[in-house]
PDB file of N, CA and C in Angstrom:
ATOM      1  N   MET A   1      77.411  45.061 161.466  1.00  0.00           N
ATOM      2  CA  MET A   1      78.467  46.255 161.566  1.00  0.00           C
ATOM      3  C   MET A   1      78.390  46.704 162.956  1.00  0.00           C
ATOM      4  N   THR A   2      79.501  46.807 163.582  1.00  0.00           N
ATOM      5  CA  THR A   2      79.489  47.228 164.945  1.00  0.00           C
ATOM      6  C   THR A   2      79.413  48.742 165.127  1.00  0.00           C
ATOM      7  N   THR A   3      79.072  49.163 166.313  1.00  0.00           N
ATOM      8  CA  THR A   3      78.899  50.713 166.522  1.00  0.00           C
ATOM      9  C   THR A   3      80.226  51.313 166.200  1.00  0.00           C
ATOM     10  N   GLU A   4      81.295  50.739 166.554  1.00  0.00           N
ATOM     11  CA  GLU A   4      82.709  51.293 166.357  1.00  0.00           C
ATOM     12  C   GLU A   4      82.920  51.486 164.769  1.00  0.00           C
ATOM     13  N   ASN A   5      82.505  50.399 163.986  1.00  0.00           N
ATOM     14  CA  ASN A   5      82.668  50.486 162.601  1.00  0.00           C
ATOM     15  C   ASN A   5      81.714  51.573 161.972  1.00  0.00           C
ATOM     16  N   ARG A   6      80.500  51.605 162.522  1.00  0.00           N
ATOM     17  CA  ARG A   6      79.599  52.655 162.042  1.00  0.00           C
ATOM     18  C   ARG A   6      80.192  54.126 162.297  1.00  0.00           C
ATOM     19  N   LEU A   7      80.689  54.260 163.501  1.00  0.00           N
ATOM     20  CA  LEU A   7      81.223  55.618 163.843  1.00  0.00           C
ATOM     21  C   LEU A   7      82.455  55.881 162.924  1.00  0.00           C
ATOM     22  N   LEU A   8      83.261  54.876 162.656  1.00  0.00           N
ATOM     23  CA  LEU A   8      84.437  55.122 161.816  1.00  0.00           C
ATOM     24  C   LEU A   8      83.943  55.417 160.464  1.00  0.00           C
ATOM     25  N   SER A   9      82.974  54.775 159.893  1.00  0.00           N
ATOM     26  CA  SER A   9      82.402  55.051 158.615  1.00  0.00           C
ATOM     27  C   SER A   9      81.811  56.476 158.576  1.00  0.00           C
ATOM     28  N   LEU A  10      81.138  56.952 159.615  1.00  0.00           N
ATOM     29  CA  LEU A  10      80.545  58.283 159.575  1.00  0.00           C
ATOM     30  C   LEU A  10      81.699  59.332 159.642  1.00  0.00           C
ATOM     31  N   GLU A  11      82.797  58.944 160.365  1.00  0.00           N
ATOM     32  CA  GLU A  11      84.007  59.953 160.418  1.00  0.00           C
ATOM     33  C   GLU A  11      84.668  60.038 159.005  1.00  0.00           C
ATOM     34  N   ASN A  12      84.675  58.932 158.447  1.00  0.00           N
ATOM     35  CA  ASN A  12      85.282  58.969 156.986  1.00  0.00           C
ATOM     36  C   ASN A  12      84.362  59.733 156.082  1.00  0.00           C
ATOM     37  N   ALA A  13      83.165  59.556 156.255  1.00  0.00           N
ATOM     38  CA  ALA A  13      82.140  60.303 155.283  1.00  0.00           C
ATOM     39  C   ALA A  13      82.306  61.756 155.649  1.00  0.00           C
ATOM     40  N   PHE A  14      82.390  62.148 156.775  1.00  0.00           N
ATOM     41  CA  PHE A  14      82.510  63.517 157.270  1.00  0.00           C
ATOM     42  C   PHE A  14      83.861  64.113 156.579  1.00  0.00           C
ATOM     43  N   VAL A  15      84.896  63.413 156.682  1.00  0.00           N
ATOM     44  CA  VAL A  15      86.176  63.845 156.160  1.00  0.00           C
ATOM     45  C   VAL A  15      86.004  64.059 154.672  1.00  0.00           C
ATOM     46  N   THR A  16      85.324  63.021 154.009  1.00  0.00           N
ATOM     47  CA  THR A  16      85.113  63.155 152.562  1.00  0.00           C
ATOM     48  C   THR A  16      84.179  64.387 152.188  1.00  0.00           C
ATOM     49  N   LEU A  17      83.210  64.605 152.967  1.00  0.00           N
ATOM     50  CA  LEU A  17      82.358  65.834 152.739  1.00  0.00           C
ATOM     51  C   LEU A  17      83.204  67.079 152.921  1.00  0.00           C
ATOM     52  N   THR A  18      83.914  67.092 153.995  1.00  0.00           N
ATOM     53  CA  THR A  18      84.741  68.343 154.220  1.00  0.00           C
ATOM     54  C   THR A  18      85.811  68.605 153.120  1.00  0.00           C
ATOM     55  N   ASP A  19      86.357  67.592 152.595  1.00  0.00           N
ATOM     56  CA  ASP A  19      87.303  67.634 151.374  1.00  0.00           C
ATOM     57  C   ASP A  19      86.532  68.166 150.206  1.00  0.00           C
ATOM     58  N   LEU A  20      85.256  67.618 149.935  1.00  0.00           N
ATOM     59  CA  LEU A  20      84.498  68.087 148.802  1.00  0.00           C
ATOM     60  C   LEU A  20      84.157  69.506 148.947  1.00  0.00           C
ATOM     61  N   ALA A  21      83.767  69.916 150.132  1.00  0.00           N
ATOM     62  CA  ALA A  21      83.373  71.368 150.317  1.00  0.00           C
ATOM     63  C   ALA A  21      84.525  72.223 150.197  1.00  0.00           C
ATOM     64  N   GLU A  22      85.786  71.920 150.565  1.00  0.00           N
ATOM     65  CA  GLU A  22      86.894  72.735 150.374  1.00  0.00           C
ATOM     66  C   GLU A  22      87.286  72.754 148.936  1.00  0.00           C
ATOM     67  N   ASN A  23      87.085  71.688 148.142  1.00  0.00           N
ATOM     68  CA  ASN A  23      87.277  71.618 146.740  1.00  0.00           C
ATOM     69  C   ASN A  23      86.402  72.513 146.029  1.00  0.00           C
ATOM     70  N   ILE A  24      85.155  72.497 146.408  1.00  0.00           N
ATOM     71  CA  ILE A  24      84.106  73.428 145.761  1.00  0.00           C
ATOM     72  C   ILE A  24      84.428  74.879 146.025  1.00  0.00           C
ATOM     73  N   ASP A  25      84.893  75.104 147.266  1.00  0.00           N
ATOM     74  CA  ASP A  25      85.241  76.491 147.586  1.00  0.00           C
ATOM     75  C   ASP A  25      86.399  77.046 146.753  1.00  0.00           C
ATOM     76  N   ARG A  26      87.463  76.200 146.511  1.00  0.00           N
ATOM     77  CA  ARG A  26      88.584  76.546 145.612  1.00  0.00           C
ATOM     78  C   ARG A  26      88.127  76.801 144.265  1.00  0.00           C
ATOM     79  N   ARG A  27      87.193  75.905 143.749  1.00  0.00           N
ATOM     80  CA  ARG A  27      86.649  75.975 142.395  1.00  0.00           C
ATOM     81  C   ARG A  27      85.843  77.366 142.318  1.00  0.00           C
ATOM     82  N   LEU A  28      85.003  77.570 143.255  1.00  0.00           N
ATOM     83  CA  LEU A  28      84.274  78.892 143.183  1.00  0.00           C
ATOM     84  C   LEU A  28      85.207  80.107 143.168  1.00  0.00           C
ATOM     85  N   ASP A  29      86.191  80.080 144.086  1.00  0.00           N
ATOM     86  CA  ASP A  29      87.167  81.260 143.986  1.00  0.00           C
ATOM     87  C   ASP A  29      87.822  81.256 142.647  1.00  0.00           C
ATOM     88  N   THR A  30      88.196  80.232 142.026  1.00  0.00           N
ATOM     89  CA  THR A  30      88.773  80.412 140.749  1.00  0.00           C
ATOM     90  C   THR A  30      87.799  80.823 139.774  1.00  0.00           C
ATOM     91  N   HIS A  31      86.555  80.362 139.794  1.00  0.00           N
ATOM     92  CA  HIS A  31      85.493  80.947 138.860  1.00  0.00           C
ATOM     93  C   HIS A  31      85.255  82.420 139.064  1.00  0.00           C
ATOM     94  N   ASP A  32      85.279  82.835 140.361  1.00  0.00           N
ATOM     95  CA  ASP A  32      85.116  84.265 140.708  1.00  0.00           C
ATOM     96  C   ASP A  32      86.307  85.027 140.075  1.00  0.00           C
ATOM     97  N   SER A  33      87.437  84.547 140.154  1.00  0.00           N
ATOM     98  CA  SER A  33      88.635  85.214 139.608  1.00  0.00           C
ATOM     99  C   SER A  33      88.538  85.305 138.136  1.00  0.00           C
ATOM    100  N   TRP A  34      88.088  84.300 137.469  1.00  0.00           N
ATOM    101  CA  TRP A  34      87.939  84.266 136.005  1.00  0.00           C
ATOM    102  C   TRP A  34      86.882  85.298 135.514  1.00  0.00           C
ATOM    103  N   ILE A  35      85.743  85.401 136.377  1.00  0.00           N
ATOM    104  CA  ILE A  35      84.685  86.340 136.032  1.00  0.00           C
ATOM    105  C   ILE A  35      85.225  87.726 136.112  1.00  0.00           C
ATOM    106  N   ASN A  36      85.923  88.081 137.307  1.00  0.00           N
ATOM    107  CA  ASN A  36      86.481  89.358 137.508  1.00  0.00           C
ATOM    108  C   ASN A  36      87.413  89.792 136.418  1.00  0.00           C
ATOM    109  N   ARG A  37      88.286  88.873 136.015  1.00  0.00           N
ATOM    110  CA  ARG A  37      89.250  89.132 134.835  1.00  0.00           C
ATOM    111  C   ARG A  37      88.483  89.347 133.548  1.00  0.00           C
ATOM    112  N   LEU A  38      87.459  88.639 133.385  1.00  0.00           N
ATOM    113  CA  LEU A  38      86.634  88.799 132.134  1.00  0.00           C
ATOM    114  C   LEU A  38      85.878  90.135 132.089  1.00  0.00           C
ATOM    115  N   GLY A  39      85.504  90.553 133.322  1.00  0.00           N
ATOM    116  CA  GLY A  39      84.816  91.801 133.429  1.00  0.00           C
ATOM    117  C   GLY A  39      85.794  92.964 133.195  1.00  0.00           C
ATOM    118  N   GLU A  40      87.042  92.797 133.672  1.00  0.00           N
ATOM    119  CA  GLU A  40      88.104  93.843 133.329  1.00  0.00           C
ATOM    120  C   GLU A  40      88.415  93.862 131.856  1.00  0.00           C
ATOM    121  N   ALA A  41      88.461  92.791 131.251  1.00  0.00           N
ATOM    122  CA  ALA A  41      88.822  92.574 129.883  1.00  0.00           C
ATOM    123  C   ALA A  41      87.645  93.301 129.071  1.00  0.00           C
ATOM    124  N   GLN A  42      86.562  93.027 129.480  1.00  0.00           N
ATOM    125  CA  GLN A  42      85.273  93.593 128.793  1.00  0.00           C
ATOM    126  C   GLN A  42      85.319  95.126 128.863  1.00  0.00           C
ATOM    127  N   ALA A  43      85.618  95.649 130.034  1.00  0.00           N
ATOM    128  CA  ALA A  43      85.650  97.061 130.215  1.00  0.00           C
ATOM    129  C   ALA A  43      86.883  97.727 129.349  1.00  0.00           C
ATOM    130  N   HIS A  44      88.000  96.998 129.290  1.00  0.00           N
ATOM    131  CA  HIS A  44      89.089  97.459 128.501  1.00  0.00           C
ATOM    132  C   HIS A  44      88.736  97.437 127.008  1.00  0.00           C
ATOM    133  N   THR A  45      88.062  96.387 126.593  1.00  0.00           N
ATOM    134  CA  THR A  45      87.615  96.248 125.170  1.00  0.00           C
ATOM    135  C   THR A  45      86.656  97.393 124.896  1.00  0.00           C
ATOM    136  N   GLU A  46      85.658  97.631 125.770  1.00  0.00           N
ATOM    137  CA  GLU A  46      84.828  98.757 125.526  1.00  0.00           C
ATOM    138  C   GLU A  46      85.516 100.068 125.338  1.00  0.00           C
ATOM    139  N   GLU A  47      86.600 100.332 126.210  1.00  0.00           N
ATOM    140  CA  GLU A  47      87.292 101.552 126.049  1.00  0.00           C
ATOM    141  C   GLU A  47      87.966 101.635 124.667  1.00  0.00           C
ATOM    142  N   ARG A  48      88.660 100.570 124.269  1.00  0.00           N
ATOM    143  CA  ARG A  48      89.247 100.472 122.948  1.00  0.00           C
ATOM    144  C   ARG A  48      88.297 100.724 121.773  1.00  0.00           C
ATOM    145  N   ILE A  49      87.074 100.108 121.950  1.00  0.00           N
ATOM    146  CA  ILE A  49      86.022 100.270 120.896  1.00  0.00           C
ATOM    147  C   ILE A  49      85.640 101.696 120.801  1.00  0.00           C
ATOM    148  N   ALA A  50      85.512 102.384 121.950  1.00  0.00           N
ATOM    149  CA  ALA A  50      85.174 103.886 121.949  1.00  0.00           C
ATOM    150  C   ALA A  50      86.250 104.653 121.344  1.00  0.00           C
ATOM    151  N   ALA A  51      87.527 104.289 121.544  1.00  0.00           N
ATOM    152  CA  ALA A  51      88.605 105.007 121.070  1.00  0.00           C
ATOM    153  C   ALA A  51      88.602 104.811 119.536  1.00  0.00           C
ATOM    154  N   LEU A  52      88.399 103.703 119.036  1.00  0.00           N
ATOM    155  CA  LEU A  52      88.285 103.416 117.614  1.00  0.00           C
ATOM    156  C   LEU A  52      87.151 104.128 116.963  1.00  0.00           C
ATOM    157  N   ILE A  53      86.077 104.215 117.618  1.00  0.00           N
ATOM    158  CA  ILE A  53      84.940 104.963 117.084  1.00  0.00           C
ATOM    159  C   ILE A  53      85.350 106.370 116.939  1.00  0.00           C
ATOM    160  N   ASP A  54      85.905 106.932 118.000  1.00  0.00           N
ATOM    161  CA  ASP A  54      86.336 108.441 117.893  1.00  0.00           C
ATOM    162  C   ASP A  54      87.302 108.596 116.741  1.00  0.00           C
ATOM    163  N   ALA A  55      88.372 107.710 116.676  1.00  0.00           N
ATOM    164  CA  ALA A  55      89.322 107.797 115.533  1.00  0.00           C
ATOM    165  C   ALA A  55      88.578 107.696 114.246  1.00  0.00           C
ATOM    166  N   GLN A  56      87.674 106.762 114.020  1.00  0.00           N
ATOM    167  CA  GLN A  56      86.956 106.746 112.797  1.00  0.00           C
ATOM    168  C   GLN A  56      86.195 108.039 112.541  1.00  0.00           C
ATOM    169  N   ILE A  57      85.552 108.652 113.467  1.00  0.00           N
ATOM    170  CA  ILE A  57      84.798 109.885 113.187  1.00  0.00           C
ATOM    171  C   ILE A  57      85.789 110.940 112.775  1.00  0.00           C
ATOM    172  N   ARG A  58      86.958 110.992 113.566  1.00  0.00           N
ATOM    173  CA  ARG A  58      87.962 111.977 113.118  1.00  0.00           C
ATOM    174  C   ARG A  58      88.576 111.682 111.716  1.00  0.00           C
ATOM    175  N   THR A  59      88.640 110.500 111.337  1.00  0.00           N
ATOM    176  CA  THR A  59      89.125 110.124 110.015  1.00  0.00           C
ATOM    177  C   THR A  59      88.094 110.570 108.924  1.00  0.00           C
ATOM    178  N   GLU A  60      86.837 110.278 109.258  1.00  0.00           N
ATOM    179  CA  GLU A  60      85.688 110.730 108.266  1.00  0.00           C
ATOM    180  C   GLU A  60      85.705 112.180 108.069  1.00  0.00           C
ATOM    181  N   GLU A  61      85.843 112.845 109.157  1.00  0.00           N
ATOM    182  CA  GLU A  61      85.919 114.415 109.106  1.00  0.00           C
ATOM    183  C   GLU A  61      87.056 114.847 108.327  1.00  0.00           C
ATOM    184  N   ALA A  62      88.149 114.333 108.508  1.00  0.00           N
ATOM    185  CA  ALA A  62      89.341 114.673 107.828  1.00  0.00           C
ATOM    186  C   ALA A  62      89.220 114.373 106.278  1.00  0.00           C
ATOM    187  N   LEU A  63      88.539 113.282 106.025  1.00  0.00           N
ATOM    188  CA  LEU A  63      88.390 112.926 104.600  1.00  0.00           C
ATOM    189  C   LEU A  63      87.328 113.815 103.923  1.00  0.00           C
ATOM    190  N   ALA A  64      86.392 114.328 104.739  1.00  0.00           N
ATOM    191  CA  ALA A  64      85.388 115.237 104.161  1.00  0.00           C
ATOM    192  C   ALA A  64      86.134 116.592 103.824  1.00  0.00           C
ATOM    193  N   ARG A  65      87.043 116.974 104.806  1.00  0.00           N
ATOM    194  CA  ARG A  65      87.894 118.259 104.497  1.00  0.00           C
ATOM    195  C   ARG A  65      88.732 118.097 103.361  1.00  0.00           C
ATOM    196  N   LEU A  66      89.380 116.895 103.185  1.00  0.00           N
ATOM    197  CA  LEU A  66      90.164 116.626 102.012  1.00  0.00           C
ATOM    198  C   LEU A  66      89.405 116.731 100.729  1.00  0.00           C
ATOM    199  N   THR A  67      88.217 116.120 100.779  1.00  0.00           N
ATOM    200  CA  THR A  67      87.333 116.053  99.611  1.00  0.00           C
ATOM    201  C   THR A  67      86.958 117.522  99.195  1.00  0.00           C
ATOM    202  N   GLU A  68      86.682 118.282 100.128  1.00  0.00           N
ATOM    203  CA  GLU A  68      86.358 119.799  99.927  1.00  0.00           C
ATOM    204  C   GLU A  68      87.616 120.468  99.360  1.00  0.00           C
ATOM    205  N   ALA A  69      88.720 120.338  99.841  1.00  0.00           N
ATOM    206  CA  ALA A  69      89.978 120.810  99.435  1.00  0.00           C
ATOM    207  C   ALA A  69      90.230 120.350  98.018  1.00  0.00           C
ATOM    208  N   GLN A  70      90.038 119.218  97.723  1.00  0.00           N
ATOM    209  CA  GLN A  70      90.222 118.694  96.322  1.00  0.00           C
ATOM    210  C   GLN A  70      89.275 119.387  95.311  1.00  0.00           C
ATOM    211  N   ALA A  71      88.060 119.432  95.777  1.00  0.00           N
ATOM    212  CA  ALA A  71      87.105 120.104  94.835  1.00  0.00           C
ATOM    213  C   ALA A  71      87.480 121.587  94.699  1.00  0.00           C
ATOM    214  N   SER A  72      87.995 122.241  95.691  1.00  0.00           N
ATOM    215  CA  SER A  72      88.423 123.678  95.638  1.00  0.00           C
ATOM    216  C   SER A  72      89.717 123.759  94.663  1.00  0.00           C
ATOM    217  N   ASN A  73      90.578 122.844  94.853  1.00  0.00           N
ATOM    218  CA  ASN A  73      91.817 122.859  94.114  1.00  0.00           C
ATOM    219  C   ASN A  73      91.461 122.592  92.526  1.00  0.00           C
ATOM    220  N   GLU A  74      90.496 121.717  92.295  1.00  0.00           N
ATOM    221  CA  GLU A  74      90.062 121.498  90.841  1.00  0.00           C
ATOM    222  C   GLU A  74      89.371 122.710  90.346  1.00  0.00           C
ATOM    223  N   ARG A  75      88.580 123.419  91.074  1.00  0.00           N
ATOM    224  CA  ARG A  75      88.066 124.680  90.634  1.00  0.00           C
ATOM    225  C   ARG A  75      89.082 125.717  90.374  1.00  0.00           C
ATOM    226  N   LEU A  76      90.064 125.880  91.207  1.00  0.00           N
ATOM    227  CA  LEU A  76      91.117 126.820  90.985  1.00  0.00           C
ATOM    228  C   LEU A  76      91.970 126.391  89.801  1.00  0.00           C
ATOM    229  N   LEU A  77      92.204 125.132  89.648  1.00  0.00           N
ATOM    230  CA  LEU A  77      92.973 124.656  88.499  1.00  0.00           C
ATOM    231  C   LEU A  77      92.305 125.015  87.261  1.00  0.00           C
ATOM    232  N   GLY A  78      90.887 124.812  87.255  1.00  0.00           N
ATOM    233  CA  GLY A  78      90.106 125.133  86.037  1.00  0.00           C
ATOM    234  C   GLY A  78      90.261 126.669  85.714  1.00  0.00           C
ATOM    235  N   VAL A  79      90.268 127.494  86.740  1.00  0.00           N
ATOM    236  CA  VAL A  79      90.307 128.922  86.453  1.00  0.00           C
ATOM    237  C   VAL A  79      91.691 129.292  86.008  1.00  0.00           C
ATOM    238  N   LEU A  80      92.693 128.666  86.497  1.00  0.00           N
ATOM    239  CA  LEU A  80      94.139 128.994  86.221  1.00  0.00           C
ATOM    240  C   LEU A  80      94.340 128.491  84.691  1.00  0.00           C
ATOM    241  N   THR A  81      93.730 127.292  84.344  1.00  0.00           N
ATOM    242  CA  THR A  81      93.874 126.820  83.047  1.00  0.00           C
ATOM    243  C   THR A  81      93.292 127.718  82.013  1.00  0.00           C
ATOM    244  N   ARG A  82      92.028 128.220  82.353  1.00  0.00           N
ATOM    245  CA  ARG A  82      91.395 129.175  81.468  1.00  0.00           C
ATOM    246  C   ARG A  82      92.097 130.502  81.262  1.00  0.00           C
ATOM    247  N   LEU A  83      92.675 130.983  82.520  1.00  0.00           N
ATOM    248  CA  LEU A  83      93.554 132.210  82.358  1.00  0.00           C
ATOM    249  C   LEU A  83      94.765 131.974  81.565  1.00  0.00           C
ATOM    250  N   ALA A  84      95.439 130.864  81.748  1.00  0.00           N
ATOM    251  CA  ALA A  84      96.486 130.505  80.929  1.00  0.00           C
ATOM    252  C   ALA A  84      96.243 130.434  79.420  1.00  0.00           C
ATOM    253  N   ASP A  85      95.130 129.771  79.111  1.00  0.00           N
ATOM    254  CA  ASP A  85      94.694 129.644  77.735  1.00  0.00           C
ATOM    255  C   ASP A  85      94.406 130.993  77.145  1.00  0.00           C
ATOM    256  N   ALA A  86      93.768 131.875  77.974  1.00  0.00           N
ATOM    257  CA  ALA A  86      93.365 133.143  77.422  1.00  0.00           C
ATOM    258  C   ALA A  86      94.700 134.033  77.227  1.00  0.00           C
ATOM    259  N   ARG A  87      95.618 133.863  78.117  1.00  0.00           N
ATOM    260  CA  ARG A  87      96.884 134.594  77.946  1.00  0.00           C
ATOM    261  C   ARG A  87      97.647 134.081  76.835  1.00  0.00           C
ATOM    262  N   LEU A  88      97.654 132.769  76.628  1.00  0.00           N
ATOM    263  CA  LEU A  88      98.337 132.163  75.449  1.00  0.00           C
ATOM    264  C   LEU A  88      97.714 132.659  74.179  1.00  0.00           C
ATOM    265  N   THR A  89      96.399 132.611  74.092  1.00  0.00           N
ATOM    266  CA  THR A  89      95.752 133.020  72.967  1.00  0.00           C
ATOM    267  C   THR A  89      96.043 134.535  72.644  1.00  0.00           C
ATOM    268  N   ALA A  90      96.144 135.364  73.632  1.00  0.00           N
ATOM    269  CA  ALA A  90      96.441 136.836  73.556  1.00  0.00           C
ATOM    270  C   ALA A  90      97.866 136.936  72.910  1.00  0.00           C
ATOM    271  N   VAL A  91      98.725 136.142  73.476  1.00  0.00           N
ATOM    272  CA  VAL A  91     100.184 136.240  73.067  1.00  0.00           C
ATOM    273  C   VAL A  91     100.243 135.827  71.635  1.00  0.00           C
ATOM    274  N   GLU A  92      99.663 134.679  71.239  1.00  0.00           N
ATOM    275  CA  GLU A  92      99.771 134.146  69.959  1.00  0.00           C
ATOM    276  C   GLU A  92      99.039 135.109  68.991  1.00  0.00           C
ATOM    277  N   GLY A  93      97.987 135.801  69.343  1.00  0.00           N
ATOM    278  CA  GLY A  93      97.275 136.793  68.560  1.00  0.00           C
ATOM    279  C   GLY A  93      98.258 137.912  68.264  1.00  0.00           C
ATOM    280  N   ARG A  94      99.034 138.435  69.181  1.00  0.00           N
ATOM    281  CA  ARG A  94      99.980 139.493  68.892  1.00  0.00           C
ATOM    282  C   ARG A  94     101.128 139.050  68.035  1.00  0.00           C
ATOM    283  N   ASN A  95     101.535 137.834  68.132  1.00  0.00           N
ATOM    284  CA  ASN A  95     102.689 137.297  67.441  1.00  0.00           C
ATOM    285  C   ASN A  95     102.288 136.637  66.130  1.00  0.00           C
ATOM    286  N   GLY A  96     101.071 136.426  65.851  1.00  0.00           N
ATOM    287  CA  GLY A  96     100.568 135.778  64.775  1.00  0.00           C
ATOM    288  C   GLY A  96     100.470 136.403  63.595  1.00  0.00           C
TER     289      GLY A  96
END
């Protein structure tokens, strides 16, 4: 192999290495972009999860209030039923 052929071979190898380095740089840039987008998506997901947790807490609090209201309504209905029964018994006693 002549010196000129060796020099040409080295030049070709250098061009190939340069192309490979540029390709790796593009791939790294792409991966960096993906990682950044994944980080943003993760942050958005965490915000949404926090919002869902807050909504769940509010729902549970509202359900507790509804349960208390239901129990109160049932007690009042019991009192009203007893009063109505007593009133009906009194009316029937007068008419009987």
